[in-house]
Amino acid sequence: MARRLPPLNALRAFESAARHLSFTKAAEELHVTQAAVSHQIKGLEEWLGMPLFRRMNRALILTETGQSYLPPVRDALDTLSHATERLFRMDGSGALTISTMPSFAAKWLVMRLGRFQARHPELEVRLHTTPQLVDFTQQDVDIGIRFGAGNWPGLRCERLMTEDIYPVCSPSLLDGPRPLCCPEDLRHHTLLHDDYFITWGTWGEAAGIAGLDHARGPRFDDSALLLQVAAEGGGVALARGVLVADDVAAGRLVRLFDVHLPGNYAYYVAAPPHYFSRPKVKAFRDWLFEEAATDPAAGHSRTLSAAESATTSSPDALTDA
């Protein structure tokens, strides 16, 4: 049998006005106008078909009906309030499921997660890596980090990092029989490719290299694997700055030449808008932006609303590369 319940806002207005015996004080407590409180209570009285207050010249008093209705309404609102507080406390601990691309997880996130875990030992971090976009209505995921244009409908998208694109190789290739001294020397080396949208052809054009066979060389569908092959001396990779920065800093890879191109897309933190108010999601989101702010390979960030995301003209989904 369906419950017969009056509007919640009307019950809140009634309980507050009955407790204070004042529409004015109820309005101050609920952060609305006095007229709004009066309208809510009038609607509740009409819904019930009986008066709850007597409006005197300088006083407001409860009718017998109002006096009998107040205790169960107050108890019900208290029960809802306590249950909601318990949910928020529970959401501030337990599992935090993060979805991101395999390459970003391997080359940036995993090596930093220890700092987040040390700050929030109450959270159990679960990392879900996939090149596919997350369906928050079907999957048990709290927050996503994706790479693309930030135009995923229905989600709040915050741009975390942008990056430059440039060639890298193993230090061993600098001293080999065909040392890499200038862009033209790439003709003598294996070119490594991933599925990113800036290709060797685009970079070669910007570098002014004539006659470079930019299509040759193996292709990888995971940028982390591409960088691993490059670090082992298997060729020269066209790398994304955010993913390769730690390898360059550690000396596993070296950056070549002075020609770099700005990336077409960016890394975004994405989730349904209301997820961002959840304590554990907010904690992880804030930590991510702190980490990104200290990363010299990362560009500036900005927030896209769900409305902006839905109207962006770039591709609406990009898989991992």
C-alpha atoms as a PDB file:
ATOM      1  CA  MET A   1       0.000   0.000   0.000  1.00  0.00           C
ATOM      2  CA  ALA A   2       1.422   3.392  -1.028  1.00  0.00           C
ATOM      3  CA  ARG A   3       2.311   5.761   1.799  1.00  0.00           C
ATOM      4  CA  ARG A   4       0.225   8.905   2.073  1.00  0.00           C
ATOM      5  CA  LEU A   5       2.796  11.549   2.911  1.00  0.00           C
ATOM      6  CA  PRO A   6       2.679  15.340   2.797  1.00  0.00           C
ATOM      7  CA  PRO A   7       5.555  17.310   1.201  1.00  0.00           C
ATOM      8  CA  LEU A   8       8.788  17.189   3.210  1.00  0.00           C
ATOM      9  CA  ASN A   9       9.447  20.935   2.935  1.00  0.00           C
ATOM     10  CA  ALA A  10       6.011  21.657   4.371  1.00  0.00           C
ATOM     11  CA  LEU A  11       6.709  19.348   7.334  1.00  0.00           C
ATOM     12  CA  ARG A  12      10.042  21.087   7.984  1.00  0.00           C
ATOM     13  CA  ALA A  13       8.338  24.482   7.928  1.00  0.00           C
ATOM     14  CA  PHE A  14       5.615  23.268  10.295  1.00  0.00           C
ATOM     15  CA  GLU A  15       8.048  21.710  12.768  1.00  0.00           C
ATOM     16  CA  SER A  16      10.261  24.804  12.880  1.00  0.00           C
ATOM     17  CA  ALA A  17       7.337  27.249  13.186  1.00  0.00           C
ATOM     18  CA  ALA A  18       5.703  25.092  15.878  1.00  0.00           C
ATOM     19  CA  ARG A  19       8.936  24.870  17.848  1.00  0.00           C
ATOM     20  CA  HIS A  20       9.518  28.634  17.733  1.00  0.00           C
ATOM     21  CA  LEU A  21       5.841  29.621  17.583  1.00  0.00           C
ATOM     22  CA  SER A  22       7.002  32.126  14.995  1.00  0.00           C
ATOM     23  CA  PHE A  23       6.998  32.163  11.195  1.00  0.00           C
ATOM     24  CA  THR A  24       9.774  34.765  11.276  1.00  0.00           C
ATOM     25  CA  LYS A  25      12.149  32.626  13.352  1.00  0.00           C
ATOM     26  CA  ALA A  26      11.297  29.563  11.277  1.00  0.00           C
ATOM     27  CA  ALA A  27      12.184  31.520   8.117  1.00  0.00           C
ATOM     28  CA  GLU A  28      15.540  32.519   9.614  1.00  0.00           C
ATOM     29  CA  GLU A  29      16.316  28.928  10.598  1.00  0.00           C
ATOM     30  CA  LEU A  30      15.377  27.511   7.197  1.00  0.00           C
ATOM     31  CA  HIS A  31      17.015  30.365   5.231  1.00  0.00           C
ATOM     32  CA  VAL A  32      13.833  31.246   3.362  1.00  0.00           C
ATOM     33  CA  THR A  33      11.396  34.151   3.503  1.00  0.00           C
ATOM     34  CA  GLN A  34       8.577  34.451   6.011  1.00  0.00           C
ATOM     35  CA  ALA A  35       6.140  34.373   3.110  1.00  0.00           C
ATOM     36  CA  ALA A  36       7.618  31.047   1.977  1.00  0.00           C
ATOM     37  CA  VAL A  37       7.079  29.530   5.436  1.00  0.00           C
ATOM     38  CA  SER A  38       3.515  30.827   5.561  1.00  0.00           C
ATOM     39  CA  HIS A  39       2.869  29.404   2.075  1.00  0.00           C
ATOM     40  CA  GLN A  40       4.275  25.991   3.018  1.00  0.00           C
ATOM     41  CA  ILE A  41       2.173  25.757   6.177  1.00  0.00           C
ATOM     42  CA  LYS A  42      -0.970  26.926   4.426  1.00  0.00           C
ATOM     43  CA  GLY A  43      -0.397  24.226   1.812  1.00  0.00           C
ATOM     44  CA  LEU A  44       0.093  21.607   4.526  1.00  0.00           C
ATOM     45  CA  GLU A  45      -3.136  22.654   6.267  1.00  0.00           C
ATOM     46  CA  GLU A  46      -4.994  22.406   2.971  1.00  0.00           C
ATOM     47  CA  TRP A  47      -3.419  18.990   2.273  1.00  0.00           C
ATOM     48  CA  LEU A  48      -4.487  17.774   5.734  1.00  0.00           C
ATOM     49  CA  GLY A  49      -7.856  19.524   5.599  1.00  0.00           C
ATOM     50  CA  MET A  50      -7.495  20.970   9.086  1.00  0.00           C
ATOM     51  CA  PRO A  51      -5.754  23.976  10.732  1.00  0.00           C
ATOM     52  CA  LEU A  52      -2.478  23.581  12.578  1.00  0.00           C
ATOM     53  CA  PHE A  53      -2.041  27.129  13.893  1.00  0.00           C
ATOM     54  CA  ARG A  54      -4.176  29.953  15.175  1.00  0.00           C
ATOM     55  CA  ARG A  55      -2.866  33.307  13.983  1.00  0.00           C
ATOM     56  CA  MET A  56      -3.512  35.862  16.716  1.00  0.00           C
ATOM     57  CA  ASN A  57      -2.728  39.589  16.510  1.00  0.00           C
ATOM     58  CA  ARG A  58       0.689  39.297  18.165  1.00  0.00           C
ATOM     59  CA  ALA A  59       0.985  35.564  18.710  1.00  0.00           C
ATOM     60  CA  LEU A  60       1.002  32.232  16.967  1.00  0.00           C
ATOM     61  CA  ILE A  61      -0.395  29.232  18.804  1.00  0.00           C
ATOM     62  CA  LEU A  62      -0.892  25.609  17.877  1.00  0.00           C
ATOM     63  CA  THR A  63      -4.347  24.129  17.518  1.00  0.00           C
ATOM     64  CA  GLU A  64      -5.086  20.816  19.235  1.00  0.00           C
ATOM     65  CA  THR A  65      -4.440  19.163  15.861  1.00  0.00           C
ATOM     66  CA  GLY A  66      -1.096  20.943  15.598  1.00  0.00           C
ATOM     67  CA  GLN A  67      -0.126  19.934  19.137  1.00  0.00           C
ATOM     68  CA  SER A  68      -0.866  16.282  18.446  1.00  0.00           C
ATOM     69  CA  TYR A  69       0.874  16.377  15.039  1.00  0.00           C
ATOM     70  CA  LEU A  70       4.110  18.028  16.213  1.00  0.00           C
ATOM     71  CA  PRO A  71       5.733  15.169  18.246  1.00  0.00           C
ATOM     72  CA  PRO A  72       5.524  12.474  15.506  1.00  0.00           C
ATOM     73  CA  VAL A  73       6.621  14.981  12.833  1.00  0.00           C
ATOM     74  CA  ARG A  74       9.597  16.015  14.980  1.00  0.00           C
ATOM     75  CA  ASP A  75      10.494  12.345  15.607  1.00  0.00           C
ATOM     76  CA  ALA A  76      10.254  11.533  11.912  1.00  0.00           C
ATOM     77  CA  LEU A  77      12.489  14.456  10.925  1.00  0.00           C
ATOM     78  CA  ASP A  78      14.993  13.534  13.635  1.00  0.00           C
ATOM     79  CA  THR A  79      15.060   9.953  12.351  1.00  0.00           C
ATOM     80  CA  LEU A  80      15.706  11.150   8.789  1.00  0.00           C
ATOM     81  CA  SER A  81      18.404  13.532   9.976  1.00  0.00           C
ATOM     82  CA  HIS A  82      20.223  10.882  12.010  1.00  0.00           C
ATOM     83  CA  ALA A  83      19.998   8.329   9.195  1.00  0.00           C
ATOM     84  CA  THR A  84      21.415  10.856   6.733  1.00  0.00           C
ATOM     85  CA  GLU A  85      24.291  11.736   9.077  1.00  0.00           C
ATOM     86  CA  ARG A  86      25.089   8.028   9.433  1.00  0.00           C
ATOM     87  CA  LEU A  87      25.198   7.688   5.641  1.00  0.00           C
ATOM     88  CA  PHE A  88      27.576  10.627   5.315  1.00  0.00           C
ATOM     89  CA  ARG A  89      29.838   9.157   7.986  1.00  0.00           C
ATOM     90  CA  MET A  90      29.819   5.801   6.223  1.00  0.00           C
ATOM     91  CA  ASP A  91      30.569   7.496   2.892  1.00  0.00           C
ATOM     92  CA  GLY A  92      33.588   9.134   4.465  1.00  0.00           C
ATOM     93  CA  SER A  93      35.222   5.739   4.983  1.00  0.00           C
ATOM     94  CA  GLY A  94      35.244   2.295   3.405  1.00  0.00           C
ATOM     95  CA  ALA A  95      35.963   1.639  -0.262  1.00  0.00           C
ATOM     96  CA  LEU A  96      36.835   4.327  -2.802  1.00  0.00           C
ATOM     97  CA  THR A  97      36.663   2.995  -6.358  1.00  0.00           C
ATOM     98  CA  ILE A  98      38.616   4.968  -8.969  1.00  0.00           C
ATOM     99  CA  SER A  99      38.303   4.259 -12.674  1.00  0.00           C
ATOM    100  CA  THR A 100      41.053   5.364 -15.055  1.00  0.00           C
ATOM    101  CA  MET A 101      43.050   4.326 -18.106  1.00  0.00           C
ATOM    102  CA  PRO A 102      45.781   1.674 -17.735  1.00  0.00           C
ATOM    103  CA  SER A 103      48.519   4.019 -18.979  1.00  0.00           C
ATOM    104  CA  PHE A 104      47.637   6.852 -16.584  1.00  0.00           C
ATOM    105  CA  ALA A 105      47.415   4.410 -13.693  1.00  0.00           C
ATOM    106  CA  ALA A 106      50.789   2.828 -14.482  1.00  0.00           C
ATOM    107  CA  LYS A 107      52.764   5.965 -15.339  1.00  0.00           C
ATOM    108  CA  TRP A 108      51.316   8.588 -12.984  1.00  0.00           C
ATOM    109  CA  LEU A 109      48.674   7.561 -10.454  1.00  0.00           C
ATOM    110  CA  VAL A 110      49.962   4.349  -8.864  1.00  0.00           C
ATOM    111  CA  MET A 111      53.310   5.794  -7.773  1.00  0.00           C
ATOM    112  CA  ARG A 112      51.501   8.649  -6.005  1.00  0.00           C
ATOM    113  CA  LEU A 113      48.600   6.777  -4.407  1.00  0.00           C
ATOM    114  CA  GLY A 114      50.652   5.922  -1.328  1.00  0.00           C
ATOM    115  CA  ARG A 115      50.580   9.574  -0.308  1.00  0.00           C
ATOM    116  CA  PHE A 116      46.794   9.652  -0.542  1.00  0.00           C
ATOM    117  CA  GLN A 117      46.475   6.408   1.398  1.00  0.00           C
ATOM    118  CA  ALA A 118      48.761   7.754   4.150  1.00  0.00           C
ATOM    119  CA  ARG A 119      46.541  10.831   4.464  1.00  0.00           C
ATOM    120  CA  HIS A 120      43.305   8.822   4.429  1.00  0.00           C
ATOM    121  CA  PRO A 121      43.964   5.406   6.024  1.00  0.00           C
ATOM    122  CA  GLU A 122      40.217   5.056   6.654  1.00  0.00           C
ATOM    123  CA  LEU A 123      39.650   4.594   2.901  1.00  0.00           C
ATOM    124  CA  GLU A 124      40.197   1.349   1.006  1.00  0.00           C
ATOM    125  CA  VAL A 125      41.362   2.394  -2.457  1.00  0.00           C
ATOM    126  CA  ARG A 126      40.225   0.225  -5.347  1.00  0.00           C
ATOM    127  CA  LEU A 127      41.707   1.013  -8.756  1.00  0.00           C
ATOM    128  CA  HIS A 128      39.655  -0.012 -11.788  1.00  0.00           C
ATOM    129  CA  THR A 129      41.689   0.314 -15.001  1.00  0.00           C
ATOM    130  CA  THR A 130      39.968   0.238 -18.362  1.00  0.00           C
ATOM    131  CA  PRO A 131      40.137   2.118 -21.666  1.00  0.00           C
ATOM    132  CA  GLN A 132      36.356   2.267 -21.680  1.00  0.00           C
ATOM    133  CA  LEU A 133      34.210   5.063 -20.278  1.00  0.00           C
ATOM    134  CA  VAL A 134      32.376   4.418 -17.018  1.00  0.00           C
ATOM    135  CA  ASP A 135      28.599   4.162 -16.739  1.00  0.00           C
ATOM    136  CA  PHE A 136      28.034   5.536 -13.239  1.00  0.00           C
ATOM    137  CA  THR A 137      24.443   4.314 -13.267  1.00  0.00           C
ATOM    138  CA  GLN A 138      25.520   0.701 -13.815  1.00  0.00           C
ATOM    139  CA  GLN A 139      29.006   0.423 -12.276  1.00  0.00           C
ATOM    140  CA  ASP A 140      30.112   0.749  -8.669  1.00  0.00           C
ATOM    141  CA  VAL A 141      32.589   3.572  -9.318  1.00  0.00           C
ATOM    142  CA  ASP A 142      33.012   6.704  -7.194  1.00  0.00           C
ATOM    143  CA  ILE A 143      35.147   8.863  -9.482  1.00  0.00           C
ATOM    144  CA  GLY A 144      36.792   8.628 -12.885  1.00  0.00           C
ATOM    145  CA  ILE A 145      39.947  10.078 -14.436  1.00  0.00           C
ATOM    146  CA  ARG A 146      39.603  10.131 -18.209  1.00  0.00           C
ATOM    147  CA  PHE A 147      41.496  11.550 -21.173  1.00  0.00           C
ATOM    148  CA  GLY A 148      39.632  13.503 -23.814  1.00  0.00           C
ATOM    149  CA  ALA A 149      37.742  16.712 -24.487  1.00  0.00           C
ATOM    150  CA  GLY A 150      35.821  16.680 -21.211  1.00  0.00           C
ATOM    151  CA  ASN A 151      32.427  16.564 -22.879  1.00  0.00           C
ATOM    152  CA  TRP A 152      30.825  13.554 -21.255  1.00  0.00           C
ATOM    153  CA  PRO A 153      27.081  14.264 -20.945  1.00  0.00           C
ATOM    154  CA  GLY A 154      25.586  14.302 -17.465  1.00  0.00           C
ATOM    155  CA  LEU A 155      28.969  14.486 -15.722  1.00  0.00           C
ATOM    156  CA  ARG A 156      30.829  17.277 -14.020  1.00  0.00           C
ATOM    157  CA  CYS A 157      34.253  17.356 -15.662  1.00  0.00           C
ATOM    158  CA  GLU A 158      37.215  19.124 -14.051  1.00  0.00           C
ATOM    159  CA  ARG A 159      40.314  19.504 -16.184  1.00  0.00           C
ATOM    160  CA  LEU A 160      43.179  18.116 -14.146  1.00  0.00           C
ATOM    161  CA  MET A 161      46.181  18.322 -16.470  1.00  0.00           C
ATOM    162  CA  THR A 162      47.163  19.215 -20.007  1.00  0.00           C
ATOM    163  CA  GLU A 163      50.439  18.182 -21.580  1.00  0.00           C
ATOM    164  CA  ASP A 164      52.985  18.643 -24.355  1.00  0.00           C
ATOM    165  CA  ILE A 165      53.991  15.999 -26.902  1.00  0.00           C
ATOM    166  CA  TYR A 166      57.672  15.384 -27.687  1.00  0.00           C
ATOM    167  CA  PRO A 167      60.078  12.567 -28.684  1.00  0.00           C
ATOM    168  CA  VAL A 168      61.908  10.464 -26.094  1.00  0.00           C
ATOM    169  CA  CYS A 169      64.337   7.574 -26.246  1.00  0.00           C
ATOM    170  CA  SER A 170      66.646   5.465 -24.122  1.00  0.00           C
ATOM    171  CA  PRO A 171      69.942   7.190 -23.191  1.00  0.00           C
ATOM    172  CA  SER A 172      71.681   4.333 -24.999  1.00  0.00           C
ATOM    173  CA  LEU A 173      70.509   5.672 -28.374  1.00  0.00           C
ATOM    174  CA  LEU A 174      72.392   8.929 -27.847  1.00  0.00           C
ATOM    175  CA  ASP A 175      75.751   7.166 -27.968  1.00  0.00           C
ATOM    176  CA  GLY A 176      75.048   4.401 -30.474  1.00  0.00           C
ATOM    177  CA  PRO A 177      76.333   4.056 -34.045  1.00  0.00           C
ATOM    178  CA  ARG A 178      73.587   6.480 -35.196  1.00  0.00           C
ATOM    179  CA  PRO A 179      73.433   9.083 -32.396  1.00  0.00           C
ATOM    180  CA  LEU A 180      70.342  11.259 -32.232  1.00  0.00           C
ATOM    181  CA  CYS A 181      71.721  14.760 -32.519  1.00  0.00           C
ATOM    182  CA  CYS A 182      69.054  16.462 -34.623  1.00  0.00           C
ATOM    183  CA  PRO A 183      65.510  15.633 -35.848  1.00  0.00           C
ATOM    184  CA  GLU A 184      66.818  14.429 -39.230  1.00  0.00           C
ATOM    185  CA  ASP A 185      68.636  11.579 -37.431  1.00  0.00           C
ATOM    186  CA  LEU A 186      65.222   9.978 -36.786  1.00  0.00           C
ATOM    187  CA  ARG A 187      65.433   8.539 -40.311  1.00  0.00           C
ATOM    188  CA  HIS A 188      67.901   5.986 -38.970  1.00  0.00           C
ATOM    189  CA  HIS A 189      65.808   4.852 -35.998  1.00  0.00           C
ATOM    190  CA  THR A 190      62.648   2.864 -35.323  1.00  0.00           C
ATOM    191  CA  LEU A 191      59.635   5.072 -34.678  1.00  0.00           C
ATOM    192  CA  LEU A 192      57.220   3.850 -32.004  1.00  0.00           C
ATOM    193  CA  HIS A 193      53.529   4.747 -32.267  1.00  0.00           C
ATOM    194  CA  ASP A 194      50.476   4.724 -30.032  1.00  0.00           C
ATOM    195  CA  ASP A 195      46.873   5.685 -30.759  1.00  0.00           C
ATOM    196  CA  TYR A 196      47.214   9.333 -29.794  1.00  0.00           C
ATOM    197  CA  PHE A 197      45.933  11.988 -32.164  1.00  0.00           C
ATOM    198  CA  ILE A 198      49.221  13.796 -32.654  1.00  0.00           C
ATOM    199  CA  THR A 199      51.283  11.509 -34.875  1.00  0.00           C
ATOM    200  CA  TRP A 200      54.873  11.370 -36.037  1.00  0.00           C
ATOM    201  CA  GLY A 201      53.693  12.950 -39.275  1.00  0.00           C
ATOM    202  CA  THR A 202      52.316  15.969 -37.386  1.00  0.00           C
ATOM    203  CA  TRP A 203      55.435  16.288 -35.244  1.00  0.00           C
ATOM    204  CA  GLY A 204      57.779  15.839 -38.234  1.00  0.00           C
ATOM    205  CA  GLU A 205      55.972  18.595 -40.082  1.00  0.00           C
ATOM    206  CA  ALA A 206      56.377  20.931 -37.104  1.00  0.00           C
ATOM    207  CA  ALA A 207      60.074  19.996 -36.870  1.00  0.00           C
ATOM    208  CA  GLY A 208      60.573  20.680 -40.570  1.00  0.00           C
ATOM    209  CA  ILE A 209      61.856  17.185 -41.403  1.00  0.00           C
ATOM    210  CA  ALA A 210      61.592  16.416 -45.105  1.00  0.00           C
ATOM    211  CA  GLY A 211      61.245  12.840 -46.291  1.00  0.00           C
ATOM    212  CA  LEU A 212      60.665  11.187 -42.898  1.00  0.00           C
ATOM    213  CA  ASP A 213      58.797   7.901 -43.307  1.00  0.00           C
ATOM    214  CA  HIS A 214      56.552   8.589 -40.349  1.00  0.00           C
ATOM    215  CA  ALA A 215      54.329   5.523 -40.863  1.00  0.00           C
ATOM    216  CA  ARG A 216      57.012   2.911 -40.216  1.00  0.00           C
ATOM    217  CA  GLY A 217      57.497   1.208 -36.879  1.00  0.00           C
ATOM    218  CA  PRO A 218      55.354  -0.811 -34.448  1.00  0.00           C
ATOM    219  CA  ARG A 219      52.108   0.431 -32.896  1.00  0.00           C
ATOM    220  CA  PHE A 220      50.876   0.027 -29.310  1.00  0.00           C
ATOM    221  CA  ASP A 221      47.413   0.467 -27.857  1.00  0.00           C
ATOM    222  CA  ASP A 222      48.825   1.322 -24.416  1.00  0.00           C
ATOM    223  CA  SER A 223      51.127   4.307 -23.906  1.00  0.00           C
ATOM    224  CA  ALA A 224      52.727   2.719 -20.840  1.00  0.00           C
ATOM    225  CA  LEU A 225      53.892  -0.188 -22.992  1.00  0.00           C
ATOM    226  CA  LEU A 226      55.110   2.242 -25.652  1.00  0.00           C
ATOM    227  CA  LEU A 227      57.303   3.991 -23.082  1.00  0.00           C
ATOM    228  CA  GLN A 228      58.596   0.702 -21.707  1.00  0.00           C
ATOM    229  CA  VAL A 229      59.760  -0.371 -25.181  1.00  0.00           C
ATOM    230  CA  ALA A 230      61.406   3.025 -25.685  1.00  0.00           C
ATOM    231  CA  ALA A 231      63.206   2.765 -22.313  1.00  0.00           C
ATOM    232  CA  GLU A 232      64.584  -0.610 -23.364  1.00  0.00           C
ATOM    233  CA  GLY A 233      66.101   0.924 -26.489  1.00  0.00           C
ATOM    234  CA  GLY A 234      63.496  -0.416 -28.904  1.00  0.00           C
ATOM    235  CA  GLY A 235      63.025   2.880 -30.715  1.00  0.00           C
ATOM    236  CA  VAL A 236      61.979   6.503 -30.359  1.00  0.00           C
ATOM    237  CA  ALA A 237      58.556   7.269 -28.909  1.00  0.00           C
ATOM    238  CA  LEU A 238      56.408  10.328 -29.367  1.00  0.00           C
ATOM    239  CA  ALA A 239      55.496  10.752 -25.712  1.00  0.00           C
ATOM    240  CA  ARG A 240      52.818  12.555 -23.730  1.00  0.00           C
ATOM    241  CA  GLY A 241      54.420  14.808 -21.148  1.00  0.00           C
ATOM    242  CA  VAL A 242      52.345  13.777 -18.129  1.00  0.00           C
ATOM    243  CA  LEU A 243      52.947  10.074 -18.687  1.00  0.00           C
ATOM    244  CA  VAL A 244      56.668  10.306 -19.429  1.00  0.00           C
ATOM    245  CA  ALA A 245      57.770  12.952 -16.911  1.00  0.00           C
ATOM    246  CA  ASP A 246      58.748  10.501 -14.153  1.00  0.00           C
ATOM    247  CA  ASP A 247      60.747   8.325 -16.578  1.00  0.00           C
ATOM    248  CA  VAL A 248      62.626  11.396 -17.813  1.00  0.00           C
ATOM    249  CA  ALA A 249      63.278  12.595 -14.256  1.00  0.00           C
ATOM    250  CA  ALA A 250      64.632   9.138 -13.325  1.00  0.00           C
ATOM    251  CA  GLY A 251      66.883   9.024 -16.403  1.00  0.00           C
ATOM    252  CA  ARG A 252      65.164   5.998 -17.939  1.00  0.00           C
ATOM    253  CA  LEU A 253      64.266   8.125 -20.935  1.00  0.00           C
ATOM    254  CA  VAL A 254      65.672  11.346 -22.355  1.00  0.00           C
ATOM    255  CA  ARG A 255      63.771  14.116 -24.075  1.00  0.00           C
ATOM    256  CA  LEU A 256      64.959  14.830 -27.617  1.00  0.00           C
ATOM    257  CA  PHE A 257      65.289  18.126 -29.451  1.00  0.00           C
ATOM    258  CA  ASP A 258      63.442  21.361 -28.753  1.00  0.00           C
ATOM    259  CA  VAL A 259      60.298  20.729 -30.797  1.00  0.00           C
ATOM    260  CA  HIS A 260      57.157  20.003 -28.803  1.00  0.00           C
ATOM    261  CA  LEU A 261      53.464  20.266 -29.586  1.00  0.00           C
ATOM    262  CA  PRO A 262      50.574  21.069 -27.224  1.00  0.00           C
ATOM    263  CA  GLY A 263      48.240  18.128 -26.660  1.00  0.00           C
ATOM    264  CA  ASN A 264      44.791  18.207 -28.241  1.00  0.00           C
ATOM    265  CA  TYR A 265      43.057  16.915 -25.129  1.00  0.00           C
ATOM    266  CA  ALA A 266      43.487  16.735 -21.374  1.00  0.00           C
ATOM    267  CA  TYR A 267      43.050  14.578 -18.279  1.00  0.00           C
ATOM    268  CA  TYR A 268      39.736  15.169 -16.510  1.00  0.00           C
ATOM    269  CA  VAL A 269      38.269  14.206 -13.177  1.00  0.00           C
ATOM    270  CA  ALA A 270      34.705  13.158 -13.994  1.00  0.00           C
ATOM    271  CA  ALA A 271      31.657  12.030 -12.023  1.00  0.00           C
ATOM    272  CA  PRO A 272      27.968  12.895 -11.684  1.00  0.00           C
ATOM    273  CA  PRO A 273      27.757  16.406 -10.180  1.00  0.00           C
ATOM    274  CA  HIS A 274      26.311  15.307  -6.837  1.00  0.00           C
ATOM    275  CA  TYR A 275      29.153  12.805  -6.293  1.00  0.00           C
ATOM    276  CA  PHE A 276      31.576  15.687  -5.680  1.00  0.00           C
ATOM    277  CA  SER A 277      29.888  16.543  -2.362  1.00  0.00           C
ATOM    278  CA  ARG A 278      30.528  13.046  -0.992  1.00  0.00           C
ATOM    279  CA  PRO A 279      33.346  13.200   1.599  1.00  0.00           C
ATOM    280  CA  LYS A 280      35.546  10.464   0.156  1.00  0.00           C
ATOM    281  CA  VAL A 281      35.158  11.723  -3.420  1.00  0.00           C
ATOM    282  CA  LYS A 282      35.941  15.279  -2.347  1.00  0.00           C
ATOM    283  CA  ALA A 283      38.993  14.070  -0.411  1.00  0.00           C
ATOM    284  CA  PHE A 284      40.386  12.234  -3.446  1.00  0.00           C
ATOM    285  CA  ARG A 285      39.518  15.046  -5.861  1.00  0.00           C
ATOM    286  CA  ASP A 286      41.262  17.644  -3.671  1.00  0.00           C
ATOM    287  CA  TRP A 287      44.335  15.440  -3.288  1.00  0.00           C
ATOM    288  CA  LEU A 288      44.530  14.879  -7.061  1.00  0.00           C
ATOM    289  CA  PHE A 289      44.613  18.594  -7.739  1.00  0.00           C
ATOM    290  CA  GLU A 290      47.293  19.088  -5.078  1.00  0.00           C
ATOM    291  CA  GLU A 291      49.441  16.465  -6.789  1.00  0.00           C
ATOM    292  CA  ALA A 292      48.830  17.906 -10.251  1.00  0.00           C
ATOM    293  CA  ALA A 293      49.810  21.381  -9.016  1.00  0.00           C
ATOM    294  CA  THR A 294      53.284  20.072  -8.126  1.00  0.00           C
ATOM    295  CA  ASP A 295      53.772  18.248 -11.451  1.00  0.00           C
ATOM    296  CA  PRO A 296      55.908  20.371 -13.818  1.00  0.00           C
ATOM    297  CA  ALA A 297      54.555  18.416 -16.799  1.00  0.00           C
ATOM    298  CA  ALA A 298      50.949  19.395 -16.046  1.00  0.00           C
ATOM    299  CA  GLY A 299      49.147  22.438 -17.410  1.00  0.00           C
ATOM    300  CA  HIS A 300      46.403  24.478 -15.777  1.00  0.00           C
ATOM    301  CA  SER A 301      43.009  23.124 -14.749  1.00  0.00           C
ATOM    302  CA  ARG A 302      39.425  24.319 -15.087  1.00  0.00           C
ATOM    303  CA  THR A 303      35.967  22.953 -14.367  1.00  0.00           C
ATOM    304  CA  LEU A 304      33.379  22.083 -16.988  1.00  0.00           C
ATOM    305  CA  SER A 305      29.791  21.873 -15.852  1.00  0.00           C
ATOM    306  CA  ALA A 306      27.527  19.074 -17.013  1.00  0.00           C
ATOM    307  CA  ALA A 307      25.859  21.560 -19.364  1.00  0.00           C
ATOM    308  CA  GLU A 308      29.185  22.605 -20.907  1.00  0.00           C
ATOM    309  CA  SER A 309      30.205  18.966 -21.206  1.00  0.00           C
ATOM    310  CA  ALA A 310      27.037  18.134 -23.106  1.00  0.00           C
ATOM    311  CA  THR A 311      27.583  20.901 -25.643  1.00  0.00           C
ATOM    312  CA  THR A 312      31.297  20.572 -26.357  1.00  0.00           C
ATOM    313  CA  SER A 313      31.859  19.895 -30.048  1.00  0.00           C
ATOM    314  CA  SER A 314      34.897  17.611 -29.749  1.00  0.00           C
ATOM    315  CA  PRO A 315      34.590  13.803 -29.676  1.00  0.00           C
ATOM    316  CA  ASP A 316      32.585  12.678 -26.674  1.00  0.00           C
ATOM    317  CA  ALA A 317      34.639   9.662 -25.737  1.00  0.00           C
ATOM    318  CA  LEU A 318      38.317   8.858 -26.044  1.00  0.00           C
ATOM    319  CA  THR A 319      39.833   5.528 -25.096  1.00  0.00           C
ATOM    320  CA  ASP A 320      43.221   5.009 -23.562  1.00  0.00           C
ATOM    321  CA  ALA A 321      46.325   5.291 -25.685  1.00  0.00           C
END
